[in-house]
Amino acid sequence: MVHAVQRKHPNTFAVDFRPAAEHGDEVARYGLGTHGVVCLGLEDQIFWKHPGHDMTQQELDKGVEQILAALKKN
């Protein structure tokens, strides 16, 4: 799902997969529990996050809308 977001908005989103087992400090810092998805700005500010793997397409779409709206305000 997240790759589809990157393809739809190539100049806005980049996807970087990081195994939770190798990046436990980031998982903890972003409050993801044991794993999840986080969308960061250029200065590591959190724009949106979703813990776990049980994210629906609707939840992702809502997160993308929130991020795009926040970027337009800047």
PDB file of N, CA and C in Angstrom:
ATOM      1  N   MET A   1       0.820  -1.201   0.000  1.00  0.00           N
ATOM      2  CA  MET A   1       0.000   0.000   0.000  1.00  0.00           C
ATOM      3  C   MET A   1       0.862   1.263   0.000  1.00  0.00           C
ATOM      4  N   VAL A   2       1.925   1.259   0.802  1.00  0.00           N
ATOM      5  CA  VAL A   2       2.725   2.486   0.880  1.00  0.00           C
ATOM      6  C   VAL A   2       3.481   2.749  -0.419  1.00  0.00           C
ATOM      7  N   HIS A   3       3.832   1.697  -1.146  1.00  0.00           N
ATOM      8  CA  HIS A   3       4.482   1.926  -2.439  1.00  0.00           C
ATOM      9  C   HIS A   3       3.533   2.590  -3.420  1.00  0.00           C
ATOM     10  N   ALA A   4       2.251   2.290  -3.332  1.00  0.00           N
ATOM     11  CA  ALA A   4       1.269   2.943  -4.201  1.00  0.00           C
ATOM     12  C   ALA A   4       1.208   4.438  -3.906  1.00  0.00           C
ATOM     13  N   VAL A   5       1.339   4.804  -2.643  1.00  0.00           N
ATOM     14  CA  VAL A   5       1.353   6.226  -2.265  1.00  0.00           C
ATOM     15  C   VAL A   5       2.574   6.899  -2.880  1.00  0.00           C
ATOM     16  N   GLN A   6       3.706   6.242  -2.810  1.00  0.00           N
ATOM     17  CA  GLN A   6       4.929   6.811  -3.393  1.00  0.00           C
ATOM     18  C   GLN A   6       4.784   6.975  -4.898  1.00  0.00           C
ATOM     19  N   ARG A   7       4.205   5.993  -5.565  1.00  0.00           N
ATOM     20  CA  ARG A   7       4.019   6.100  -7.022  1.00  0.00           C
ATOM     21  C   ARG A   7       3.045   7.224  -7.379  1.00  0.00           C
ATOM     22  N   LYS A   8       2.015   7.407  -6.568  1.00  0.00           N
ATOM     23  CA  LYS A   8       1.021   8.446  -6.839  1.00  0.00           C
ATOM     24  C   LYS A   8       1.563   9.846  -6.556  1.00  0.00           C
ATOM     25  N   HIS A   9       2.456   9.967  -5.570  1.00  0.00           N
ATOM     26  CA  HIS A   9       3.015  11.262  -5.161  1.00  0.00           C
ATOM     27  C   HIS A   9       4.552  11.156  -5.108  1.00  0.00           C
ATOM     28  N   PRO A  10       5.210  10.922  -6.240  1.00  0.00           N
ATOM     29  CA  PRO A  10       6.657  10.655  -6.229  1.00  0.00           C
ATOM     30  C   PRO A  10       7.511  11.815  -5.729  1.00  0.00           C
ATOM     31  N   ASN A  11       7.034  13.017  -5.833  1.00  0.00           N
ATOM     32  CA  ASN A  11       7.828  14.162  -5.381  1.00  0.00           C
ATOM     33  C   ASN A  11       7.545  14.531  -3.934  1.00  0.00           C
ATOM     34  N   THR A  12       6.670  13.775  -3.274  1.00  0.00           N
ATOM     35  CA  THR A  12       6.297  14.075  -1.900  1.00  0.00           C
ATOM     36  C   THR A  12       6.705  12.970  -0.938  1.00  0.00           C
ATOM     37  N   PHE A  13       6.555  11.714  -1.351  1.00  0.00           N
ATOM     38  CA  PHE A  13       6.800  10.578  -0.463  1.00  0.00           C
ATOM     39  C   PHE A  13       7.930   9.706  -0.978  1.00  0.00           C
ATOM     40  N   ALA A  14       8.746   9.239  -0.053  1.00  0.00           N
ATOM     41  CA  ALA A  14       9.751   8.212  -0.325  1.00  0.00           C
ATOM     42  C   ALA A  14       9.521   7.107   0.705  1.00  0.00           C
ATOM     43  N   VAL A  15       9.726   5.878   0.300  1.00  0.00           N
ATOM     44  CA  VAL A  15       9.505   4.740   1.186  1.00  0.00           C
ATOM     45  C   VAL A  15      10.842   4.124   1.543  1.00  0.00           C
ATOM     46  N   ASP A  16      11.031   3.874   2.836  1.00  0.00           N
ATOM     47  CA  ASP A  16      12.249   3.248   3.330  1.00  0.00           C
ATOM     48  C   ASP A  16      11.834   2.185   4.339  1.00  0.00           C
ATOM     49  N   PHE A  17      12.037   0.923   4.005  1.00  0.00           N
ATOM     50  CA  PHE A  17      11.706  -0.168   4.920  1.00  0.00           C
ATOM     51  C   PHE A  17      12.885  -0.415   5.839  1.00  0.00           C
ATOM     52  N   ARG A  18      12.598  -0.467   7.136  1.00  0.00           N
ATOM     53  CA  ARG A  18      13.636  -0.743   8.120  1.00  0.00           C
ATOM     54  C   ARG A  18      13.131  -1.849   9.037  1.00  0.00           C
ATOM     55  N   PRO A  19      13.819  -2.981   9.088  1.00  0.00           N
ATOM     56  CA  PRO A  19      13.386  -4.069   9.959  1.00  0.00           C
ATOM     57  C   PRO A  19      13.324  -3.613  11.423  1.00  0.00           C
ATOM     58  N   ALA A  20      12.186  -3.845  12.057  1.00  0.00           N
ATOM     59  CA  ALA A  20      12.006  -3.404  13.447  1.00  0.00           C
ATOM     60  C   ALA A  20      13.064  -3.996  14.364  1.00  0.00           C
ATOM     61  N   ALA A  21      13.465  -5.225  14.116  1.00  0.00           N
ATOM     62  CA  ALA A  21      14.462  -5.883  14.963  1.00  0.00           C
ATOM     63  C   ALA A  21      15.814  -5.169  14.916  1.00  0.00           C
ATOM     64  N   GLU A  22      16.087  -4.485  13.821  1.00  0.00           N
ATOM     65  CA  GLU A  22      17.363  -3.781  13.663  1.00  0.00           C
ATOM     66  C   GLU A  22      17.264  -2.301  14.027  1.00  0.00           C
ATOM     67  N   HIS A  23      16.047  -1.807  14.238  1.00  0.00           N
ATOM     68  CA  HIS A  23      15.851  -0.378  14.501  1.00  0.00           C
ATOM     69  C   HIS A  23      14.904  -0.149  15.675  1.00  0.00           C
ATOM     70  N   GLY A  24      15.136  -0.911  16.729  1.00  0.00           N
ATOM     71  CA  GLY A  24      14.291  -0.812  17.915  1.00  0.00           C
ATOM     72  C   GLY A  24      14.269   0.576  18.518  1.00  0.00           C
ATOM     73  N   ASP A  25      15.374   1.315  18.407  1.00  0.00           N
ATOM     74  CA  ASP A  25      15.418   2.679  18.939  1.00  0.00           C
ATOM     75  C   ASP A  25      14.423   3.583  18.212  1.00  0.00           C
ATOM     76  N   GLU A  26      14.312   3.438  16.900  1.00  0.00           N
ATOM     77  CA  GLU A  26      13.359   4.244  16.142  1.00  0.00           C
ATOM     78  C   GLU A  26      11.923   3.835  16.443  1.00  0.00           C
ATOM     79  N   VAL A  27      11.684   2.539  16.550  1.00  0.00           N
ATOM     80  CA  VAL A  27      10.348   2.043  16.870  1.00  0.00           C
ATOM     81  C   VAL A  27       9.896   2.632  18.204  1.00  0.00           C
ATOM     82  N   ALA A  28      10.781   2.628  19.189  1.00  0.00           N
ATOM     83  CA  ALA A  28      10.455   3.189  20.504  1.00  0.00           C
ATOM     84  C   ALA A  28      10.285   4.703  20.434  1.00  0.00           C
ATOM     85  N   ARG A  29      11.193   5.387  19.760  1.00  0.00           N
ATOM     86  CA  ARG A  29      11.147   6.852  19.665  1.00  0.00           C
ATOM     87  C   ARG A  29       9.848   7.335  19.023  1.00  0.00           C
ATOM     88  N   TYR A  30       9.362   6.614  18.030  1.00  0.00           N
ATOM     89  CA  TYR A  30       8.148   7.024  17.332  1.00  0.00           C
ATOM     90  C   TYR A  30       6.878   6.427  17.936  1.00  0.00           C
ATOM     91  N   GLY A  31       7.010   5.690  19.034  1.00  0.00           N
ATOM     92  CA  GLY A  31       5.846   5.167  19.732  1.00  0.00           C
ATOM     93  C   GLY A  31       5.032   4.182  18.909  1.00  0.00           C
ATOM     94  N   LEU A  32       5.716   3.268  18.229  1.00  0.00           N
ATOM     95  CA  LEU A  32       5.036   2.334  17.347  1.00  0.00           C
ATOM     96  C   LEU A  32       4.749   0.986  18.003  1.00  0.00           C
ATOM     97  N   GLY A  33       5.083   0.820  19.264  1.00  0.00           N
ATOM     98  CA  GLY A  33       4.915  -0.482  19.898  1.00  0.00           C
ATOM     99  C   GLY A  33       6.051  -1.390  19.474  1.00  0.00           C
ATOM    100  N   THR A  34       5.732  -2.419  18.696  1.00  0.00           N
ATOM    101  CA  THR A  34       6.779  -3.331  18.228  1.00  0.00           C
ATOM    102  C   THR A  34       7.163  -3.090  16.778  1.00  0.00           C
ATOM    103  N   HIS A  35       6.306  -2.387  16.018  1.00  0.00           N
ATOM    104  CA  HIS A  35       6.564  -2.098  14.598  1.00  0.00           C
ATOM    105  C   HIS A  35       5.447  -1.202  14.078  1.00  0.00           C
ATOM    106  N   GLY A  36       5.595  -0.700  12.856  1.00  0.00           N
ATOM    107  CA  GLY A  36       4.551   0.132  12.278  1.00  0.00           C
ATOM    108  C   GLY A  36       5.048   0.988  11.136  1.00  0.00           C
ATOM    109  N   VAL A  37       4.259   2.011  10.816  1.00  0.00           N
ATOM    110  CA  VAL A  37       4.553   2.931   9.725  1.00  0.00           C
ATOM    111  C   VAL A  37       4.606   4.340  10.303  1.00  0.00           C
ATOM    112  N   VAL A  38       5.609   5.096   9.897  1.00  0.00           N
ATOM    113  CA  VAL A  38       5.707   6.490  10.323  1.00  0.00           C
ATOM    114  C   VAL A  38       6.073   7.334   9.116  1.00  0.00           C
ATOM    115  N   CYS A  39       5.458   8.503   8.993  1.00  0.00           N
ATOM    116  CA  CYS A  39       5.760   9.430   7.914  1.00  0.00           C
ATOM    117  C   CYS A  39       6.427  10.648   8.543  1.00  0.00           C
ATOM    118  N   LEU A  40       7.667  10.872   8.155  1.00  0.00           N
ATOM    119  CA  LEU A  40       8.471  11.951   8.719  1.00  0.00           C
ATOM    120  C   LEU A  40       8.680  13.066   7.711  1.00  0.00           C
ATOM    121  N   GLY A  41       8.833  14.269   8.241  1.00  0.00           N
ATOM    122  CA  GLY A  41       9.212  15.397   7.412  1.00  0.00           C
ATOM    123  C   GLY A  41      10.717  15.421   7.221  1.00  0.00           C
ATOM    124  N   LEU A  42      11.186  16.403   6.511  1.00  0.00           N
ATOM    125  CA  LEU A  42      12.623  16.499   6.218  1.00  0.00           C
ATOM    126  C   LEU A  42      13.481  16.650   7.463  1.00  0.00           C
ATOM    127  N   GLU A  43      12.899  17.171   8.530  1.00  0.00           N
ATOM    128  CA  GLU A  43      13.657  17.351   9.775  1.00  0.00           C
ATOM    129  C   GLU A  43      13.198  16.359  10.846  1.00  0.00           C
ATOM    130  N   ASP A  44      12.747  15.187  10.421  1.00  0.00           N
ATOM    131  CA  ASP A  44      12.306  14.089  11.283  1.00  0.00           C
ATOM    132  C   ASP A  44      11.085  14.402  12.136  1.00  0.00           C
ATOM    133  N   GLN A  45      10.325  15.438  11.799  1.00  0.00           N
ATOM    134  CA  GLN A  45       9.081  15.668  12.522  1.00  0.00           C
ATOM    135  C   GLN A  45       8.058  14.633  12.066  1.00  0.00           C
ATOM    136  N   ILE A  46       7.252  14.159  13.001  1.00  0.00           N
ATOM    137  CA  ILE A  46       6.258  13.144  12.680  1.00  0.00           C
ATOM    138  C   ILE A  46       5.021  13.814  12.092  1.00  0.00           C
ATOM    139  N   PHE A  47       4.698  13.445  10.857  1.00  0.00           N
ATOM    140  CA  PHE A  47       3.483  13.928  10.220  1.00  0.00           C
ATOM    141  C   PHE A  47       2.315  12.974  10.464  1.00  0.00           C
ATOM    142  N   TRP A  48       2.628  11.670  10.521  1.00  0.00           N
ATOM    143  CA  TRP A  48       1.574  10.671  10.708  1.00  0.00           C
ATOM    144  C   TRP A  48       2.237   9.353  11.057  1.00  0.00           C
ATOM    145  N   LYS A  49       1.549   8.535  11.856  1.00  0.00           N
ATOM    146  CA  LYS A  49       2.088   7.214  12.161  1.00  0.00           C
ATOM    147  C   LYS A  49       0.946   6.239  12.416  1.00  0.00           C
ATOM    148  N   HIS A  50       1.256   4.978  12.223  1.00  0.00           N
ATOM    149  CA  HIS A  50       0.291   3.906  12.477  1.00  0.00           C
ATOM    150  C   HIS A  50       1.061   2.707  13.024  1.00  0.00           C
ATOM    151  N   PRO A  51       0.807   2.337  14.281  1.00  0.00           N
ATOM    152  CA  PRO A  51       1.488   1.169  14.839  1.00  0.00           C
ATOM    153  C   PRO A  51       0.920  -0.131  14.281  1.00  0.00           C
ATOM    154  N   GLY A  52       1.754  -1.136  14.166  1.00  0.00           N
ATOM    155  CA  GLY A  52       1.313  -2.463  13.755  1.00  0.00           C
ATOM    156  C   GLY A  52       1.141  -2.611  12.256  1.00  0.00           C
ATOM    157  N   HIS A  53       0.665  -3.796  11.863  1.00  0.00           N
ATOM    158  CA  HIS A  53       0.476  -4.113  10.446  1.00  0.00           C
ATOM    159  C   HIS A  53      -0.984  -4.123  10.024  1.00  0.00           C
ATOM    160  N   ASP A  54      -1.893  -3.880  10.940  1.00  0.00           N
ATOM    161  CA  ASP A  54      -3.310  -4.006  10.610  1.00  0.00           C
ATOM    162  C   ASP A  54      -3.917  -2.706  10.092  1.00  0.00           C
ATOM    163  N   MET A  55      -3.181  -2.017   9.259  1.00  0.00           N
ATOM    164  CA  MET A  55      -3.647  -0.758   8.678  1.00  0.00           C
ATOM    165  C   MET A  55      -4.539  -1.047   7.471  1.00  0.00           C
ATOM    166  N   THR A  56      -5.666  -0.374   7.411  1.00  0.00           N
ATOM    167  CA  THR A  56      -6.557  -0.522   6.260  1.00  0.00           C
ATOM    168  C   THR A  56      -6.192   0.511   5.190  1.00  0.00           C
ATOM    169  N   GLN A  57      -6.670   0.292   3.997  1.00  0.00           N
ATOM    170  CA  GLN A  57      -6.457   1.261   2.930  1.00  0.00           C
ATOM    171  C   GLN A  57      -7.073   2.602   3.308  1.00  0.00           C
ATOM    172  N   GLN A  58      -8.230   2.576   3.956  1.00  0.00           N
ATOM    173  CA  GLN A  58      -8.902   3.809   4.360  1.00  0.00           C
ATOM    174  C   GLN A  58      -8.066   4.582   5.385  1.00  0.00           C
ATOM    175  N   GLU A  59      -7.434   3.872   6.320  1.00  0.00           N
ATOM    176  CA  GLU A  59      -6.585   4.540   7.311  1.00  0.00           C
ATOM    177  C   GLU A  59      -5.375   5.180   6.636  1.00  0.00           C
ATOM    178  N   LEU A  60      -4.769   4.465   5.704  1.00  0.00           N
ATOM    179  CA  LEU A  60      -3.628   5.013   4.976  1.00  0.00           C
ATOM    180  C   LEU A  60      -4.052   6.225   4.157  1.00  0.00           C
ATOM    181  N   ASP A  61      -5.170   6.124   3.465  1.00  0.00           N
ATOM    182  CA  ASP A  61      -5.662   7.246   2.657  1.00  0.00           C
ATOM    183  C   ASP A  61      -5.908   8.478   3.525  1.00  0.00           C
ATOM    184  N   LYS A  62      -6.498   8.286   4.691  1.00  0.00           N
ATOM    185  CA  LYS A  62      -6.756   9.404   5.610  1.00  0.00           C
ATOM    186  C   LYS A  62      -5.439  10.024   6.079  1.00  0.00           C
ATOM    187  N   GLY A  63      -4.458   9.178   6.390  1.00  0.00           N
ATOM    188  CA  GLY A  63      -3.148   9.686   6.795  1.00  0.00           C
ATOM    189  C   GLY A  63      -2.488  10.499   5.691  1.00  0.00           C
ATOM    190  N   VAL A  64      -2.564  10.014   4.460  1.00  0.00           N
ATOM    191  CA  VAL A  64      -1.981  10.731   3.318  1.00  0.00           C
ATOM    192  C   VAL A  64      -2.671  12.081   3.144  1.00  0.00           C
ATOM    193  N   GLU A  65      -3.988  12.107   3.260  1.00  0.00           N
ATOM    194  CA  GLU A  65      -4.721  13.374   3.154  1.00  0.00           C
ATOM    195  C   GLU A  65      -4.272  14.356   4.231  1.00  0.00           C
ATOM    196  N   GLN A  66      -4.088  13.874   5.457  1.00  0.00           N
ATOM    197  CA  GLN A  66      -3.649  14.741   6.557  1.00  0.00           C
ATOM    198  C   GLN A  66      -2.259  15.305   6.267  1.00  0.00           C
ATOM    199  N   ILE A  67      -1.384  14.466   5.773  1.00  0.00           N
ATOM    200  CA  ILE A  67      -0.008  14.896   5.472  1.00  0.00           C
ATOM    201  C   ILE A  67      -0.007  15.935   4.363  1.00  0.00           C
ATOM    202  N   LEU A  68      -0.731  15.657   3.277  1.00  0.00           N
ATOM    203  CA  LEU A  68      -0.779  16.614   2.174  1.00  0.00           C
ATOM    204  C   LEU A  68      -1.365  17.939   2.610  1.00  0.00           C
ATOM    205  N   ALA A  69      -2.384  17.921   3.440  1.00  0.00           N
ATOM    206  CA  ALA A  69      -2.968  19.157   3.956  1.00  0.00           C
ATOM    207  C   ALA A  69      -1.958  19.913   4.810  1.00  0.00           C
ATOM    208  N   ALA A  70      -1.221  19.199   5.649  1.00  0.00           N
ATOM    209  CA  ALA A  70      -0.213  19.852   6.508  1.00  0.00           C
ATOM    210  C   ALA A  70       0.906  20.462   5.667  1.00  0.00           C
ATOM    211  N   LEU A  71       1.326  19.784   4.611  1.00  0.00           N
ATOM    212  CA  LEU A  71       2.385  20.312   3.761  1.00  0.00           C
ATOM    213  C   LEU A  71       1.945  21.557   3.007  1.00  0.00           C
ATOM    214  N   LYS A  72       0.686  21.642   2.626  1.00  0.00           N
ATOM    215  CA  LYS A  72       0.186  22.818   1.922  1.00  0.00           C
ATOM    216  C   LYS A  72       0.126  24.035   2.833  1.00  0.00           C
ATOM    217  N   LYS A  73      -0.002  23.798   4.140  1.00  0.00           N
ATOM    218  CA  LYS A  73      -0.062  24.910   5.102  1.00  0.00           C
ATOM    219  C   LYS A  73       1.309  25.509   5.331  1.00  0.00           C
ATOM    220  N   ASN A  74       2.370  24.728   5.036  1.00  0.00           N
ATOM    221  CA  ASN A  74       3.758  25.197   5.293  1.00  0.00           C
ATOM    222  C   ASN A  74       4.274  26.037   4.159  1.00  0.00           C
TER     223      ASN A  74
END
